[in-house]
């Protein structure tokens, strides 16, 4: 374990640095996330101007969900039961999972991504970018008390960054 003070390579599990005596017991304790105040990355998701999400029931036929996505020119539907988010169905799901199958024989629940990663409206753009990058997501629902209030798309984030940088 490297000493955070003098960079001496100590034995794993040492409580104090053998070189300078610095406390090593808490050096592997997670630290609070870095703040991005006063930068574009510190903007809250509210700044993106995201509208209301389109929601569907998990028992909706997948063919109807795809038709709804096409007619409304959206590439993401949030799947809810009793108003609570239970999944997400995206254009990628339609292409990768549904293609070649009899659409009339399946419901959205058969192809949705259950229990998706979510954001809160007061999360920062940095948090959204991080979650999108780690999970390789293009859409992440925004929830409040388990109820979807919006969806952040990678395109929304990039558009905001371009507009902010002018």
C-alpha atoms as a PDB file:
ATOM      1  CA  UNK A   1       0.000   0.000   0.000  1.00  0.00           C
ATOM      2  CA  UNK A   2       1.418   3.345  -1.064  1.00  0.00           C
ATOM      3  CA  UNK A   3       1.582   6.023   1.600  1.00  0.00           C
ATOM      4  CA  UNK A   4      -0.522   9.014   0.491  1.00  0.00           C
ATOM      5  CA  UNK A   5       2.020  11.366   2.127  1.00  0.00           C
ATOM      6  CA  UNK A   6       5.475  10.100   1.103  1.00  0.00           C
ATOM      7  CA  UNK A   7       4.530   7.442  -1.507  1.00  0.00           C
ATOM      8  CA  UNK A   8       6.547   4.756   0.377  1.00  0.00           C
ATOM      9  CA  UNK A   9       5.411   1.234  -0.551  1.00  0.00           C
ATOM     10  CA  UNK A  10       4.216  -0.331   2.732  1.00  0.00           C
ATOM     11  CA  UNK A  11       2.920  -3.830   3.398  1.00  0.00           C
ATOM     12  CA  UNK A  12      -0.809  -4.267   2.811  1.00  0.00           C
ATOM     13  CA  UNK A  13      -2.618  -3.958   6.151  1.00  0.00           C
ATOM     14  CA  UNK A  14      -0.063  -1.680   7.868  1.00  0.00           C
ATOM     15  CA  UNK A  15      -1.812   0.964   9.975  1.00  0.00           C
ATOM     16  CA  UNK A  16       1.072   3.450   9.797  1.00  0.00           C
ATOM     17  CA  UNK A  17       3.669   4.223   7.139  1.00  0.00           C
ATOM     18  CA  UNK A  18       7.019   2.580   7.935  1.00  0.00           C
ATOM     19  CA  UNK A  19       8.816   5.525   6.356  1.00  0.00           C
ATOM     20  CA  UNK A  20       7.041   8.659   7.647  1.00  0.00           C
ATOM     21  CA  UNK A  21       4.561   7.335  10.227  1.00  0.00           C
ATOM     22  CA  UNK A  22       1.467   8.661   8.403  1.00  0.00           C
ATOM     23  CA  UNK A  23      -1.873   7.061   9.231  1.00  0.00           C
ATOM     24  CA  UNK A  24      -2.705   4.409   6.620  1.00  0.00           C
ATOM     25  CA  UNK A  25      -5.745   2.948   8.397  1.00  0.00           C
ATOM     26  CA  UNK A  26      -8.137   5.405   6.757  1.00  0.00           C
ATOM     27  CA  UNK A  27      -6.357   5.895   3.434  1.00  0.00           C
ATOM     28  CA  UNK A  28      -8.563   3.312   1.683  1.00  0.00           C
ATOM     29  CA  UNK A  29     -11.770   4.759   3.116  1.00  0.00           C
ATOM     30  CA  UNK A  30     -13.939   6.075   0.275  1.00  0.00           C
ATOM     31  CA  UNK A  31     -13.876   9.847   0.037  1.00  0.00           C
ATOM     32  CA  UNK A  32     -16.814  12.046  -1.002  1.00  0.00           C
ATOM     33  CA  UNK A  33     -17.246  12.440  -4.741  1.00  0.00           C
ATOM     34  CA  UNK A  34     -15.548  15.416  -6.314  1.00  0.00           C
ATOM     35  CA  UNK A  35     -17.849  18.368  -6.736  1.00  0.00           C
ATOM     36  CA  UNK A  36     -18.164  20.130 -10.078  1.00  0.00           C
ATOM     37  CA  UNK A  37     -19.641  23.421  -8.931  1.00  0.00           C
ATOM     38  CA  UNK A  38     -19.331  26.391 -11.260  1.00  0.00           C
ATOM     39  CA  UNK A  39     -18.740  24.217 -14.323  1.00  0.00           C
ATOM     40  CA  UNK A  40     -21.031  22.844 -17.003  1.00  0.00           C
ATOM     41  CA  UNK A  41     -20.583  19.387 -15.488  1.00  0.00           C
ATOM     42  CA  UNK A  42     -21.985  20.726 -12.220  1.00  0.00           C
ATOM     43  CA  UNK A  43     -25.283  21.786 -13.827  1.00  0.00           C
ATOM     44  CA  UNK A  44     -28.259  19.862 -12.508  1.00  0.00           C
ATOM     45  CA  UNK A  45     -30.261  17.775 -14.933  1.00  0.00           C
ATOM     46  CA  UNK A  46     -33.107  20.291 -14.537  1.00  0.00           C
ATOM     47  CA  UNK A  47     -31.047  22.585 -16.809  1.00  0.00           C
ATOM     48  CA  UNK A  48     -31.503  20.176 -19.720  1.00  0.00           C
ATOM     49  CA  UNK A  49     -35.208  21.065 -20.012  1.00  0.00           C
ATOM     50  CA  UNK A  50     -36.335  17.466 -20.190  1.00  0.00           C
ATOM     51  CA  UNK A  51     -40.034  16.885 -20.859  1.00  0.00           C
ATOM     52  CA  UNK A  52     -42.369  14.247 -19.487  1.00  0.00           C
ATOM     53  CA  UNK A  53     -41.504  10.659 -20.358  1.00  0.00           C
ATOM     54  CA  UNK A  54     -43.661   8.336 -22.403  1.00  0.00           C
ATOM     55  CA  UNK A  55     -44.779   5.424 -20.271  1.00  0.00           C
ATOM     56  CA  UNK A  56     -46.321   2.067 -21.131  1.00  0.00           C
ATOM     57  CA  UNK A  57     -47.694  -0.914 -19.249  1.00  0.00           C
ATOM     58  CA  UNK A  58     -45.492  -4.027 -19.198  1.00  0.00           C
ATOM     59  CA  UNK A  59     -48.398  -6.037 -20.638  1.00  0.00           C
ATOM     60  CA  UNK A  60     -48.616  -3.853 -23.766  1.00  0.00           C
ATOM     61  CA  UNK A  61     -47.955  -5.903 -26.909  1.00  0.00           C
ATOM     62  CA  UNK A  62     -44.433  -5.188 -28.104  1.00  0.00           C
ATOM     63  CA  UNK A  63     -45.747  -4.465 -31.609  1.00  0.00           C
ATOM     64  CA  UNK A  64     -47.931  -1.677 -30.190  1.00  0.00           C
ATOM     65  CA  UNK A  65     -44.987  -0.255 -28.206  1.00  0.00           C
ATOM     66  CA  UNK A  66     -42.822  -0.145 -31.326  1.00  0.00           C
ATOM     67  CA  UNK A  67     -45.648   1.512 -33.248  1.00  0.00           C
ATOM     68  CA  UNK A  68     -46.011   4.107 -30.455  1.00  0.00           C
ATOM     69  CA  UNK A  69     -42.284   4.822 -30.552  1.00  0.00           C
ATOM     70  CA  UNK A  70     -42.407   5.261 -34.312  1.00  0.00           C
ATOM     71  CA  UNK A  71     -45.504   7.492 -34.307  1.00  0.00           C
ATOM     72  CA  UNK A  72     -44.236   9.727 -31.505  1.00  0.00           C
ATOM     73  CA  UNK A  73     -40.693   9.830 -32.867  1.00  0.00           C
ATOM     74  CA  UNK A  74     -39.182   8.669 -29.587  1.00  0.00           C
ATOM     75  CA  UNK A  75     -36.555   6.039 -29.005  1.00  0.00           C
ATOM     76  CA  UNK A  76     -37.338   5.220 -25.383  1.00  0.00           C
ATOM     77  CA  UNK A  77     -40.401   4.142 -23.396  1.00  0.00           C
ATOM     78  CA  UNK A  78     -40.479   3.833 -19.626  1.00  0.00           C
ATOM     79  CA  UNK A  79     -42.353   0.789 -18.380  1.00  0.00           C
ATOM     80  CA  UNK A  80     -44.480   1.429 -15.288  1.00  0.00           C
ATOM     81  CA  UNK A  81     -46.823  -0.520 -13.037  1.00  0.00           C
ATOM     82  CA  UNK A  82     -48.966   1.462 -10.636  1.00  0.00           C
ATOM     83  CA  UNK A  83     -47.016   4.565 -11.601  1.00  0.00           C
ATOM     84  CA  UNK A  84     -43.709   3.056 -10.461  1.00  0.00           C
ATOM     85  CA  UNK A  85     -40.833   2.455 -12.854  1.00  0.00           C
ATOM     86  CA  UNK A  86     -40.263  -1.251 -13.498  1.00  0.00           C
ATOM     87  CA  UNK A  87     -38.296  -1.162 -16.740  1.00  0.00           C
ATOM     88  CA  UNK A  88     -37.168   0.634 -19.866  1.00  0.00           C
ATOM     89  CA  UNK A  89     -37.744  -0.313 -23.517  1.00  0.00           C
ATOM     90  CA  UNK A  90     -35.560   1.395 -26.115  1.00  0.00           C
ATOM     91  CA  UNK A  91     -35.049   1.324 -29.841  1.00  0.00           C
ATOM     92  CA  UNK A  92     -31.959  -0.777 -29.185  1.00  0.00           C
ATOM     93  CA  UNK A  93     -34.143  -3.385 -27.427  1.00  0.00           C
ATOM     94  CA  UNK A  94     -36.466  -3.400 -30.437  1.00  0.00           C
ATOM     95  CA  UNK A  95     -33.612  -3.953 -32.890  1.00  0.00           C
ATOM     96  CA  UNK A  96     -31.467  -6.369 -30.890  1.00  0.00           C
ATOM     97  CA  UNK A  97     -34.032  -8.377 -28.913  1.00  0.00           C
ATOM     98  CA  UNK A  98     -37.263  -8.224 -30.932  1.00  0.00           C
ATOM     99  CA  UNK A  99     -36.037  -8.382 -34.519  1.00  0.00           C
ATOM    100  CA  UNK A 100     -36.951 -11.646 -36.206  1.00  0.00           C
ATOM    101  CA  UNK A 101     -39.541 -12.659 -33.605  1.00  0.00           C
ATOM    102  CA  UNK A 102     -43.333 -12.705 -33.915  1.00  0.00           C
ATOM    103  CA  UNK A 103     -44.061  -9.335 -32.331  1.00  0.00           C
ATOM    104  CA  UNK A 104     -47.737 -10.082 -31.753  1.00  0.00           C
ATOM    105  CA  UNK A 105     -46.799 -13.018 -29.502  1.00  0.00           C
ATOM    106  CA  UNK A 106     -44.835 -10.948 -26.960  1.00  0.00           C
ATOM    107  CA  UNK A 107     -45.378  -8.118 -24.503  1.00  0.00           C
ATOM    108  CA  UNK A 108     -43.034  -5.247 -23.626  1.00  0.00           C
ATOM    109  CA  UNK A 109     -42.100  -7.021 -20.370  1.00  0.00           C
ATOM    110  CA  UNK A 110     -40.539  -9.824 -22.425  1.00  0.00           C
ATOM    111  CA  UNK A 111     -37.931  -7.477 -23.929  1.00  0.00           C
ATOM    112  CA  UNK A 112     -37.627  -4.505 -21.541  1.00  0.00           C
ATOM    113  CA  UNK A 113     -34.608  -3.948 -19.346  1.00  0.00           C
ATOM    114  CA  UNK A 114     -35.994  -4.467 -15.820  1.00  0.00           C
ATOM    115  CA  UNK A 115     -34.977  -2.334 -12.847  1.00  0.00           C
ATOM    116  CA  UNK A 116     -32.961   0.196 -14.860  1.00  0.00           C
ATOM    117  CA  UNK A 117     -30.265   2.494 -13.524  1.00  0.00           C
ATOM    118  CA  UNK A 118     -31.894   5.820 -12.612  1.00  0.00           C
ATOM    119  CA  UNK A 119     -31.038   9.442 -11.922  1.00  0.00           C
ATOM    120  CA  UNK A 120     -32.622  12.132  -9.736  1.00  0.00           C
ATOM    121  CA  UNK A 121     -33.552  15.549 -11.118  1.00  0.00           C
ATOM    122  CA  UNK A 122     -30.956  17.204  -8.890  1.00  0.00           C
ATOM    123  CA  UNK A 123     -28.100  14.944 -10.040  1.00  0.00           C
ATOM    124  CA  UNK A 124     -25.439  16.712 -12.040  1.00  0.00           C
ATOM    125  CA  UNK A 125     -24.554  16.278 -15.677  1.00  0.00           C
ATOM    126  CA  UNK A 126     -21.275  14.735 -14.499  1.00  0.00           C
ATOM    127  CA  UNK A 127     -23.223  11.985 -12.705  1.00  0.00           C
ATOM    128  CA  UNK A 128     -25.352  11.354 -15.801  1.00  0.00           C
ATOM    129  CA  UNK A 129     -22.296  11.129 -18.063  1.00  0.00           C
ATOM    130  CA  UNK A 130     -20.585   8.789 -15.607  1.00  0.00           C
ATOM    131  CA  UNK A 131     -23.576   6.431 -15.392  1.00  0.00           C
ATOM    132  CA  UNK A 132     -24.031   6.469 -19.168  1.00  0.00           C
ATOM    133  CA  UNK A 133     -20.362   5.699 -19.761  1.00  0.00           C
ATOM    134  CA  UNK A 134     -20.084   2.936 -17.173  1.00  0.00           C
ATOM    135  CA  UNK A 135     -23.327   1.206 -18.179  1.00  0.00           C
ATOM    136  CA  UNK A 136     -23.055   1.993 -21.902  1.00  0.00           C
ATOM    137  CA  UNK A 137     -26.533   3.558 -21.753  1.00  0.00           C
ATOM    138  CA  UNK A 138     -27.977   6.146 -24.123  1.00  0.00           C
ATOM    139  CA  UNK A 139     -31.069   6.749 -21.932  1.00  0.00           C
ATOM    140  CA  UNK A 140     -31.467   6.894 -18.155  1.00  0.00           C
ATOM    141  CA  UNK A 141     -34.813   7.537 -16.445  1.00  0.00           C
ATOM    142  CA  UNK A 142     -35.130  10.337 -13.924  1.00  0.00           C
ATOM    143  CA  UNK A 143     -37.253   9.253 -10.964  1.00  0.00           C
ATOM    144  CA  UNK A 144     -38.747  10.811  -7.884  1.00  0.00           C
ATOM    145  CA  UNK A 145     -40.076   8.435  -5.213  1.00  0.00           C
ATOM    146  CA  UNK A 146     -39.857   5.583  -7.732  1.00  0.00           C
ATOM    147  CA  UNK A 147     -42.026   7.419 -10.258  1.00  0.00           C
ATOM    148  CA  UNK A 148     -40.531   8.454 -13.591  1.00  0.00           C
ATOM    149  CA  UNK A 149     -40.507  12.192 -14.244  1.00  0.00           C
ATOM    150  CA  UNK A 150     -38.219  12.273 -17.277  1.00  0.00           C
ATOM    151  CA  UNK A 151     -35.518  10.564 -19.305  1.00  0.00           C
ATOM    152  CA  UNK A 152     -32.000  11.836 -19.919  1.00  0.00           C
ATOM    153  CA  UNK A 153     -30.686  10.905 -23.340  1.00  0.00           C
ATOM    154  CA  UNK A 154     -27.047  11.145 -24.301  1.00  0.00           C
ATOM    155  CA  UNK A 155     -28.149  13.474 -27.093  1.00  0.00           C
ATOM    156  CA  UNK A 156     -29.701  15.848 -24.501  1.00  0.00           C
ATOM    157  CA  UNK A 157     -26.443  15.978 -22.555  1.00  0.00           C
ATOM    158  CA  UNK A 158     -24.283  16.590 -25.613  1.00  0.00           C
ATOM    159  CA  UNK A 159     -26.661  19.232 -26.969  1.00  0.00           C
ATOM    160  CA  UNK A 160     -26.493  21.069 -23.625  1.00  0.00           C
ATOM    161  CA  UNK A 161     -22.695  20.888 -23.566  1.00  0.00           C
ATOM    162  CA  UNK A 162     -22.401  22.244 -27.114  1.00  0.00           C
ATOM    163  CA  UNK A 163     -24.855  25.084 -26.418  1.00  0.00           C
ATOM    164  CA  UNK A 164     -23.086  25.964 -23.156  1.00  0.00           C
ATOM    165  CA  UNK A 165     -19.666  26.025 -24.739  1.00  0.00           C
ATOM    166  CA  UNK A 166     -21.078  28.208 -27.500  1.00  0.00           C
END
